[in-house]
Amino acid sequence: MTVELSIAEARRLALAAQGLLAPTARCGGAVDRVVGVVGQLGAVQLDTISVLARSHELVAFARAGAVGRRAVERAYWGAPHRCIEYWSHAACVVPLEDWPWYAWRRRRSRRRYLAGRENAPAFVEVRQRLRDLGPITTEGLGGARQGGPWWDWSPLKVAVEELLAAGEVVCQERRGWRRVYDLPERALAAALRAHEPDDAECHRHLLAGAARRLGVATLADLADYPRLPLRDARAALPGMGLTEVRVQGWAQPAWADPALLEGLSGGQLGGRCRSVLLSPFDSLIWDRRRTGRLFDFAHRLEAYTPASQREHGYFTMPLLAGGRLRGRVDPKRAGATLVARQVGVEAGAEAAMATALVAAARWVGCERVVAERVRPEGRGPRLRELLTRAQSGDHARDLRIGS
């Protein structure tokens, strides 16, 4: 029987599945909490942009709270390794135990990148340097670039990235944001390397994980989370034990994990959603179409849009407050000041925006927050007043976490 869900119930399922209902990932030390975030999400996307902090740090902050940024780095790349980098939804940190389930993608990458080229000079040289020198960054390969722009990769950089995709090279560490490349036989346990599930097993496992991590999702949503081809997701869906649901306002049928549905009906998905700014690469909002359906919120990254054509800003971070997306901000650090270059905020969400901005500023070590342009302009005075009160230590009722 198909279960009917309101849009509010669908949002509740999604927020619970994504670890955004408190308390979440708050047990144990900071490193363990961040590792727990990776396990709950299945993948944390990486990106080079750093205006407030890098995306992988912002994802952890949104769920585990104000853990130290060094703890975030240790969780992702420190020894003993519990995570590994690989291509999931995009370039991501994934749980180490999930390495076997990306065997389908490694096999596909071998066919794409290595077929007929296994003994090309660049591939031979990368393998030899790794054997002789041990784990190395691109500096050990002679540098990543040929002298042009950042995408003008050297032949050895191209080769090592293609070997990484094919699974002949792995990355479990970064130094100064540079990947440290290693051989899997040196870095990974034999049992982990020996487990090679076939493509169909991989697809079922990843699709089941997507269902747990999305809460409620259409077939296209499920496929998009680990970037499975839609035809493979469709073939894996039957027999997985997911419950078919109809979500208010959604044209397509959707599916949910029965355990999450039981938690919803039993009132076990408790906890308030705190006011927090989300990375534009946060897995809650990876899929822009799903974000629109679930939150009635149009969001896109404008970092690669010419400045004159941007509507909301360079690195726009949505505001999550009260279980809804209720605003957005384009932040930038200027010394000890967090500058909100452009803020868009719904009526009644000014306090939540002030809370989120001040919390983010304190986390990255900024001493003050300045809001420049506010939309609509009439909400600017109220937001600036609340920012002043929050920074002065006046924790009034409307500035509490979770407001």
Protein backbone atom coordinates (compact mmCIF):
# COMPACT_ATOMS: atom_id res chain seq x y z
CA MET A 1 0.00 0.00 0.00
CA THR A 2 1.29 3.46 -0.93
CA VAL A 3 1.89 5.78 2.05
CA GLU A 4 0.74 9.40 1.77
CA LEU A 5 3.11 12.06 3.15
CA SER A 6 2.64 15.77 3.59
CA ILE A 7 5.45 17.99 2.41
CA ALA A 8 6.21 18.81 6.06
CA GLU A 9 6.58 15.10 6.83
CA ALA A 10 8.82 14.65 3.80
CA ARG A 11 11.05 17.49 5.01
CA ARG A 12 11.19 15.93 8.47
CA LEU A 13 12.32 12.62 7.02
CA ALA A 14 14.97 14.33 4.91
CA LEU A 15 16.37 16.41 7.79
CA ALA A 16 16.50 13.39 10.10
CA ALA A 17 18.19 11.26 7.47
CA GLN A 18 20.75 14.01 6.85
CA GLY A 19 21.64 14.42 10.52
CA LEU A 20 20.22 17.92 10.81
CA LEU A 21 17.84 17.36 13.70
CA ALA A 22 19.45 17.81 17.11
CA PRO A 23 20.88 16.02 18.90
CA THR A 24 22.98 14.46 16.14
CA ALA A 25 26.56 13.23 16.10
CA ARG A 26 27.15 14.79 19.53
CA CYS A 27 28.55 11.73 21.37
CA GLY A 28 32.27 11.07 21.77
CA GLY A 29 35.19 13.28 20.89
CA ALA A 30 35.23 15.82 18.09
CA VAL A 31 37.04 13.54 15.63
CA ASP A 32 34.65 10.66 16.30
CA ARG A 33 31.68 12.98 15.81
CA VAL A 34 32.91 14.11 12.42
CA VAL A 35 33.64 10.51 11.37
CA GLY A 36 30.06 9.79 12.43
CA VAL A 37 28.84 12.56 10.10
CA VAL A 38 30.67 10.93 7.18
CA GLY A 39 29.09 7.59 8.06
CA GLN A 40 25.61 9.06 8.28
CA LEU A 41 25.90 10.94 4.98
CA GLY A 42 27.89 8.32 3.10
CA ALA A 43 29.80 11.03 1.25
CA VAL A 44 31.01 14.57 1.98
CA GLN A 45 31.76 16.59 -1.14
CA LEU A 46 35.09 18.35 -1.53
CA ASP A 47 35.62 21.69 -3.21
CA THR A 48 38.50 24.14 -3.43
CA ILE A 49 36.50 27.31 -2.71
CA SER A 50 37.20 28.76 0.73
CA VAL A 51 35.56 32.06 1.62
CA LEU A 52 34.17 31.22 5.07
CA ALA A 53 35.62 27.73 5.29
CA ARG A 54 35.91 24.84 2.84
CA SER A 55 32.78 22.88 2.09
CA HIS A 56 33.82 19.70 3.90
CA GLU A 57 34.32 21.76 7.08
CA LEU A 58 30.94 23.48 6.73
CA VAL A 59 29.13 20.15 6.33
CA ALA A 60 30.65 18.89 9.59
CA PHE A 61 29.87 22.17 11.40
CA ALA A 62 26.22 22.04 10.35
CA ARG A 63 25.80 18.63 12.00
CA ALA A 64 28.42 18.17 14.70
CA GLY A 65 28.47 21.76 15.95
CA ALA A 66 31.52 23.88 16.62
CA VAL A 67 34.10 21.11 16.48
CA GLY A 68 37.58 22.42 15.91
CA ARG A 69 38.62 22.68 12.30
CA ARG A 70 41.75 20.63 13.02
CA ALA A 71 39.50 17.87 14.34
CA VAL A 72 37.62 17.93 11.03
CA GLU A 73 40.90 17.48 9.14
CA ARG A 74 41.98 14.62 11.41
CA ALA A 75 38.64 12.90 10.96
CA TYR A 76 38.86 12.95 7.19
CA TRP A 77 42.59 12.40 6.66
CA GLY A 78 44.26 11.49 9.96
CA ALA A 79 45.57 8.12 11.07
CA PRO A 80 44.22 5.58 11.82
CA HIS A 81 42.33 6.16 8.58
CA ARG A 82 38.57 5.74 8.73
CA CYS A 83 37.78 7.61 5.52
CA ILE A 84 39.03 7.64 1.97
CA GLU A 85 38.60 9.96 -1.01
CA TYR A 86 36.81 8.73 -4.06
CA TRP A 87 34.28 9.72 -6.71
CA SER A 88 30.77 9.38 -5.27
CA HIS A 89 28.27 12.16 -5.96
CA ALA A 90 31.40 14.10 -6.93
CA ALA A 91 34.91 14.13 -5.46
CA CYS A 92 34.08 13.12 -1.90
CA VAL A 93 35.33 11.78 1.39
CA VAL A 94 33.55 8.45 1.96
CA PRO A 95 33.67 5.90 4.80
CA LEU A 96 36.61 3.55 4.36
CA GLU A 97 34.33 0.52 4.68
CA ASP A 98 32.42 1.68 1.60
CA TRP A 99 35.47 1.33 -0.65
CA PRO A 100 34.37 -2.08 -2.06
CA TRP A 101 30.97 -0.72 -3.11
CA TYR A 102 32.56 1.66 -5.61
CA ALA A 103 34.13 -1.27 -7.47
CA TRP A 104 31.61 -0.74 -10.27
CA ARG A 105 32.90 2.79 -10.83
CA ARG A 106 36.54 1.72 -10.67
CA ARG A 107 35.89 -0.92 -13.30
CA ARG A 108 34.15 1.64 -15.48
CA SER A 109 37.06 4.07 -15.04
CA ARG A 110 39.56 1.38 -16.02
CA ARG A 111 37.68 0.82 -19.25
CA ARG A 112 37.46 4.56 -19.85
CA TYR A 113 40.98 5.65 -18.95
CA LEU A 114 43.28 2.64 -19.09
CA ALA A 115 42.04 0.42 -21.91
CA GLY A 116 44.95 0.21 -24.34
CA ARG A 117 46.97 2.78 -22.35
CA GLU A 118 48.08 0.75 -19.32
CA ASN A 119 51.74 1.02 -20.35
CA ALA A 120 51.72 4.62 -21.55
CA PRO A 121 54.85 6.43 -20.28
CA ALA A 122 53.01 8.70 -17.82
CA PHE A 123 51.21 5.77 -16.16
CA VAL A 124 54.43 3.75 -15.92
CA GLU A 125 56.29 6.70 -14.38
CA VAL A 126 53.58 7.42 -11.77
CA ARG A 127 53.54 3.77 -10.65
CA GLN A 128 57.33 3.69 -10.46
CA ARG A 129 57.58 6.89 -8.43
CA LEU A 130 54.95 5.63 -5.97
CA ARG A 131 56.82 2.33 -5.56
CA ASP A 132 60.18 4.07 -5.10
CA LEU A 133 59.21 7.16 -3.11
CA GLY A 134 56.18 6.01 -1.12
CA PRO A 135 53.14 8.27 -0.65
CA ILE A 136 53.63 11.52 -2.60
CA THR A 137 51.83 14.72 -3.56
CA THR A 138 51.89 16.24 -7.03
CA GLU A 139 55.16 17.93 -6.04
CA GLY A 140 56.71 14.48 -6.00
CA LEU A 141 55.39 14.04 -9.51
CA GLY A 142 57.02 17.25 -10.70
CA GLY A 143 54.04 19.55 -10.14
CA ALA A 144 50.40 19.51 -11.12
CA ARG A 145 50.43 22.20 -13.81
CA GLN A 146 52.31 22.74 -17.03
CA GLY A 147 52.53 26.50 -16.45
CA GLY A 148 49.10 27.63 -17.61
CA PRO A 149 45.84 27.98 -15.64
CA TRP A 150 44.91 25.56 -12.86
CA TRP A 151 43.22 23.14 -15.24
CA ASP A 152 46.32 22.93 -17.47
CA TRP A 153 47.46 19.69 -15.83
CA SER A 154 50.82 18.06 -16.46
CA PRO A 155 50.80 14.58 -18.06
CA LEU A 156 51.76 12.99 -14.73
CA LYS A 157 48.95 14.80 -12.90
CA VAL A 158 46.48 13.59 -15.53
CA ALA A 159 47.82 10.06 -15.20
CA VAL A 160 47.69 9.92 -11.40
CA GLU A 161 44.10 11.23 -11.35
CA GLU A 162 43.04 8.64 -13.92
CA LEU A 163 44.77 5.93 -11.89
CA LEU A 164 42.95 7.24 -8.80
CA ALA A 165 39.60 6.89 -10.57
CA ALA A 166 40.54 3.38 -11.70
CA GLY A 167 41.56 2.32 -8.17
CA GLU A 168 45.25 1.75 -8.92
CA VAL A 169 46.04 4.75 -6.71
CA VAL A 170 44.27 5.86 -3.52
CA CYS A 171 44.12 9.01 -1.41
CA GLN A 172 43.63 8.91 2.36
CA GLU A 173 45.60 12.00 3.31
CA ARG A 174 46.01 15.64 2.33
CA ARG A 175 48.86 18.01 3.05
CA GLY A 176 48.10 21.68 2.63
CA TRP A 177 45.03 20.73 0.60
CA ARG A 178 47.19 18.64 -1.74
CA ARG A 179 46.22 15.02 -2.23
CA VAL A 180 48.74 12.45 -1.03
CA TYR A 181 48.72 9.54 -3.48
CA ASP A 182 49.55 5.99 -2.48
CA LEU A 183 49.30 2.44 -3.78
CA PRO A 184 46.24 0.50 -2.56
CA GLU A 185 48.34 -2.55 -1.63
CA ARG A 186 50.29 -0.35 0.78
CA ALA A 187 47.41 1.75 2.09
CA LEU A 188 44.40 -0.59 2.28
CA ALA A 189 43.88 -3.78 4.26
CA ALA A 190 43.99 -6.97 2.20
CA ALA A 191 40.42 -7.88 3.16
CA LEU A 192 39.15 -4.54 1.90
CA ARG A 193 40.97 -4.93 -1.41
CA ALA A 194 39.80 -8.51 -1.83
CA HIS A 195 36.11 -7.65 -1.59
CA GLU A 196 35.03 -6.98 -5.18
CA PRO A 197 31.22 -7.12 -5.43
CA ASP A 198 29.74 -7.24 -8.89
CA ASP A 199 28.06 -4.21 -10.44
CA ALA A 200 24.52 -5.24 -9.46
CA GLU A 201 25.52 -5.74 -5.81
CA CYS A 202 27.23 -2.35 -5.77
CA HIS A 203 24.18 -0.64 -7.24
CA ARG A 204 21.81 -2.20 -4.69
CA HIS A 205 24.07 -1.29 -1.77
CA LEU A 206 24.54 2.33 -2.88
CA LEU A 207 20.86 2.76 -3.68
CA ALA A 208 19.87 1.44 -0.24
CA GLY A 209 22.35 3.87 1.31
CA ALA A 210 20.86 6.72 -0.70
CA ALA A 211 17.38 5.83 0.58
CA ARG A 212 18.59 5.97 4.21
CA ARG A 213 20.41 9.25 3.64
CA LEU A 214 17.69 11.06 1.72
CA GLY A 215 14.74 10.01 3.86
CA VAL A 216 12.29 10.19 0.99
CA ALA A 217 13.21 10.30 -2.68
CA THR A 218 12.10 9.71 -6.24
CA LEU A 219 14.02 7.20 -8.36
CA ALA A 220 15.96 10.07 -9.96
CA ASP A 221 16.80 11.45 -6.48
CA LEU A 222 18.10 8.04 -5.37
CA ALA A 223 20.22 7.63 -8.47
CA ASP A 224 21.66 11.14 -8.19
CA TYR A 225 22.95 10.74 -4.62
CA PRO A 226 25.78 8.32 -5.56
CA ARG A 227 25.57 9.32 -9.25
CA LEU A 228 24.32 5.96 -10.51
CA PRO A 229 23.08 5.77 -14.09
CA LEU A 230 19.27 5.95 -13.96
CA ARG A 231 18.87 2.64 -15.79
CA ASP A 232 21.06 0.90 -13.19
CA ALA A 233 19.10 2.46 -10.32
CA ARG A 234 15.83 1.38 -11.92
CA ALA A 235 17.10 -2.19 -12.26
CA ALA A 236 18.28 -2.27 -8.61
CA LEU A 237 15.07 -0.87 -7.08
CA PRO A 238 12.79 -3.97 -7.12
CA GLY A 239 13.20 -6.23 -4.12
CA MET A 240 15.06 -3.64 -2.01
CA GLY A 241 12.23 -3.43 0.53
CA LEU A 242 11.64 0.29 0.21
CA THR A 243 8.13 1.63 0.82
CA GLU A 244 6.45 3.48 -2.02
CA VAL A 245 5.10 6.87 -0.93
CA ARG A 246 3.23 9.78 -2.42
CA VAL A 247 4.46 13.19 -1.34
CA GLN A 248 2.12 16.17 -1.39
CA GLY A 249 2.81 18.22 -4.52
CA TRP A 250 5.26 15.77 -6.10
CA ALA A 251 4.36 14.54 -9.58
CA GLN A 252 6.52 11.42 -9.39
CA PRO A 253 6.20 8.47 -6.98
CA ALA A 254 8.81 8.27 -4.28
CA TRP A 255 10.32 5.71 -1.91
CA ALA A 256 11.35 5.72 1.72
CA ASP A 257 13.25 3.45 4.07
CA PRO A 258 10.65 1.59 6.23
CA ALA A 259 12.68 2.17 9.40
CA LEU A 260 12.61 5.93 8.85
CA LEU A 261 8.88 5.87 8.15
CA GLU A 262 8.32 3.93 11.36
CA GLY A 263 10.34 6.52 13.27
CA LEU A 264 8.22 9.27 11.75
CA SER A 265 4.90 7.64 12.63
CA GLY A 266 6.16 6.74 16.12
CA GLY A 267 7.31 10.28 16.88
CA GLN A 268 10.94 9.17 17.15
CA LEU A 269 12.34 11.70 14.69
CA GLY A 270 12.51 14.29 17.42
CA GLY A 271 14.82 17.21 17.95
CA ARG A 272 14.68 20.74 16.67
CA CYS A 273 16.53 21.91 13.62
CA ARG A 274 19.05 24.53 14.65
CA SER A 275 19.64 27.71 12.68
CA VAL A 276 22.70 27.12 10.53
CA LEU A 277 24.20 28.17 7.22
CA LEU A 278 24.67 25.35 4.72
CA SER A 279 27.47 24.90 2.24
CA PRO A 280 26.13 25.11 -1.33
CA PHE A 281 27.71 21.65 -1.70
CA ASP A 282 25.84 20.21 1.31
CA SER A 283 24.23 16.85 0.52
CA LEU A 284 20.84 18.12 1.73
CA ILE A 285 20.75 20.42 -1.29
CA TRP A 286 22.97 18.61 -3.83
CA ASP A 287 20.06 18.09 -6.19
CA ARG A 288 18.64 21.49 -7.10
CA ARG A 289 15.40 20.04 -8.48
CA ARG A 290 14.79 18.06 -5.29
CA THR A 291 15.60 21.14 -3.19
CA GLY A 292 12.89 23.01 -5.06
CA ARG A 293 10.33 20.25 -4.54
CA LEU A 294 11.18 19.70 -0.89
CA PHE A 295 11.74 23.25 0.32
CA ASP A 296 10.18 25.47 -2.36
CA PHE A 297 13.60 27.09 -2.58
CA ALA A 298 15.53 27.87 -5.77
CA HIS A 299 19.24 27.48 -5.16
CA ARG A 300 22.25 27.37 -7.44
CA LEU A 301 25.94 28.07 -7.07
CA GLU A 302 26.96 31.28 -8.82
CA ALA A 303 30.72 31.07 -8.22
CA TYR A 304 31.31 30.35 -11.89
CA THR A 305 28.80 32.92 -13.12
CA PRO A 306 30.24 36.29 -14.22
CA ALA A 307 29.97 38.74 -11.32
CA SER A 308 27.68 41.09 -13.25
CA GLN A 309 25.18 38.27 -13.77
CA ARG A 310 25.01 36.95 -10.21
CA GLU A 311 21.70 37.29 -8.44
CA HIS A 312 22.65 36.21 -4.92
CA GLY A 313 26.46 36.19 -4.78
CA TYR A 314 29.66 34.22 -5.26
CA PHE A 315 29.31 31.50 -2.58
CA THR A 316 25.69 31.66 -1.53
CA MET A 317 24.92 29.69 1.63
CA PRO A 318 21.25 28.87 2.33
CA LEU A 319 19.91 29.45 5.84
CA LEU A 320 18.32 26.37 7.41
CA ALA A 321 15.99 27.42 10.24
CA GLY A 322 13.02 25.69 11.80
CA GLY A 323 13.28 22.89 9.25
CA ARG A 324 12.92 25.26 6.27
CA LEU A 325 15.28 27.10 3.96
CA ARG A 326 14.47 30.68 4.89
CA GLY A 327 17.21 32.84 3.45
CA ARG A 328 20.69 32.95 1.98
CA VAL A 329 23.92 34.82 2.48
CA ASP A 330 27.09 35.45 0.46
CA PRO A 331 29.84 35.57 3.12
CA LYS A 332 33.46 36.63 3.01
CA ARG A 333 36.13 36.80 5.69
CA ALA A 334 37.99 40.10 5.90
CA GLY A 335 40.54 39.74 8.67
CA ALA A 336 38.63 39.27 11.91
CA THR A 337 35.33 40.30 10.33
CA LEU A 338 32.76 38.09 8.66
CA VAL A 339 31.25 40.26 5.94
CA ALA A 340 27.79 39.22 4.78
CA ARG A 341 28.09 40.84 1.38
CA GLN A 342 24.53 40.06 0.43
CA VAL A 343 21.74 38.68 2.61
CA GLY A 344 18.30 37.52 1.55
CA VAL A 345 15.98 36.69 4.42
CA GLU A 346 12.31 35.86 4.85
CA ALA A 347 10.09 37.89 7.15
CA GLY A 348 10.37 36.46 10.65
CA ALA A 349 13.69 34.73 9.96
CA GLU A 350 15.93 37.69 10.83
CA ALA A 351 16.74 36.28 14.28
CA ALA A 352 17.64 32.91 12.83
CA MET A 353 19.92 34.57 10.30
CA ALA A 354 21.63 36.60 13.02
CA THR A 355 22.11 33.45 15.13
CA ALA A 356 23.57 31.52 12.22
CA LEU A 357 25.91 34.32 11.13
CA VAL A 358 27.30 34.92 14.61
CA ALA A 359 27.75 31.18 15.25
CA ALA A 360 29.61 30.75 11.96
CA ALA A 361 31.78 33.80 12.65
CA ARG A 362 32.80 32.54 16.07
CA TRP A 363 33.58 29.11 14.67
CA VAL A 364 36.01 30.46 12.07
CA GLY A 365 37.59 32.89 14.54
CA CYS A 366 35.97 36.14 13.41
CA GLU A 367 35.23 38.75 16.06
CA ARG A 368 32.40 40.61 14.36
CA VAL A 369 29.76 40.31 11.65
CA VAL A 370 28.84 43.09 9.24
CA ALA A 371 25.80 42.85 6.97
CA GLU A 372 26.19 44.90 3.83
CA ARG A 373 23.32 44.55 1.37
CA VAL A 374 20.07 43.07 2.75
CA ARG A 375 17.09 41.98 0.68
CA PRO A 376 14.37 43.12 1.06
CA GLU A 377 15.91 46.38 2.23
CA GLY A 378 13.20 46.85 4.86
CA ARG A 379 14.52 43.87 6.82
CA GLY A 380 18.02 45.31 7.05
CA PRO A 381 17.54 47.42 10.20
CA ARG A 382 15.98 44.52 12.14
CA LEU A 383 18.75 42.10 11.07
CA ARG A 384 21.51 44.55 11.98
CA GLU A 385 19.92 45.22 15.37
CA LEU A 386 19.79 41.48 16.10
CA LEU A 387 23.38 41.04 14.96
CA THR A 388 24.49 43.79 17.33
CA ARG A 389 22.64 42.20 20.24
CA ALA A 390 23.98 38.72 19.45
CA GLN A 391 27.55 39.97 19.29
CA SER A 392 27.21 41.93 22.50
CA GLY A 393 26.22 38.80 24.41
CA ASP A 394 22.54 39.68 24.70
CA HIS A 395 21.14 36.16 24.23
CA ALA A 396 17.49 37.07 24.12
CA ARG A 397 14.87 34.38 23.56
CA ASP A 398 14.65 35.04 19.81
CA LEU A 399 18.42 34.54 19.37
CA ARG A 400 18.64 31.07 20.89
CA ILE A 401 19.97 28.19 18.85
CA GLY A 402 17.01 26.58 17.17
CA SER A 403 15.07 29.82 16.80
